[in-house]
Amino acid sequence: MRRHTLKPTNDRNLLRLDVILPICARIVLILSGSVKENEFNSVVAIFPVQLQWGECDPAGIIFYPTYFRWFDAATWNMFAGAGYHAKRLRAEHLAMPLVAAECEFKNSAEQQDRCEVRSRIVRWGGKSFVVRHEVVREDGTLLAQGSETRVWVRYVNGPGSPMKSQTISEELKALFRVR
């Protein structure tokens, strides 16, 4: 078996491991299917929830719209954690209306189940973005997964007036990028 030893060098044409290793790790994640090739490398925000009686259907399991309410709350919580809380958005005449949502139901949640919604931004467009959510029960069981597509907008004359889509700044995107 041959051993390779790395020796210090000043040759600028050699590839640096501190640059190559993160790229290799991302390629492994892409090839394994854990991360899609064009997917934004987002932080994961955790939003804890507990299923209450009023969120259940007559069978005593989660009523499906509850997932969509949790997704919405998790997205707002994620943006608040990055400094873009609802009061700031209103003050700056900004909003992020929902234009599409989807959810796949994997397992049923029951009353009093403690769960967490794990959310991350998977794609930034010029004026829109996609948030991916997974709802996981405290025992690790995946209950649902889904996504929301939202548009970054500004109210023309303040909240309640017509909205106009805005270009999403690199500064905003950087707040959600894994460092």
Foldseek 3Di string as FASTA:
>chain_A
DDDDDDDDDPDPVDDDCVVVVVVVVVVVCCVVVVAPPQWFQFDKQKAKDWAAPVQPDPVQWGDVCVVVVQVVVRVQVVVVVLVNHPVNCQVQQKDWDWDDKDKDFDAIHGHGFMWIKIKTWTDDDQFKTKIKIWIATPVGRTGMIMMTIIGIWGAPVGPPHDIDTDGDDPVSVVSTHDD
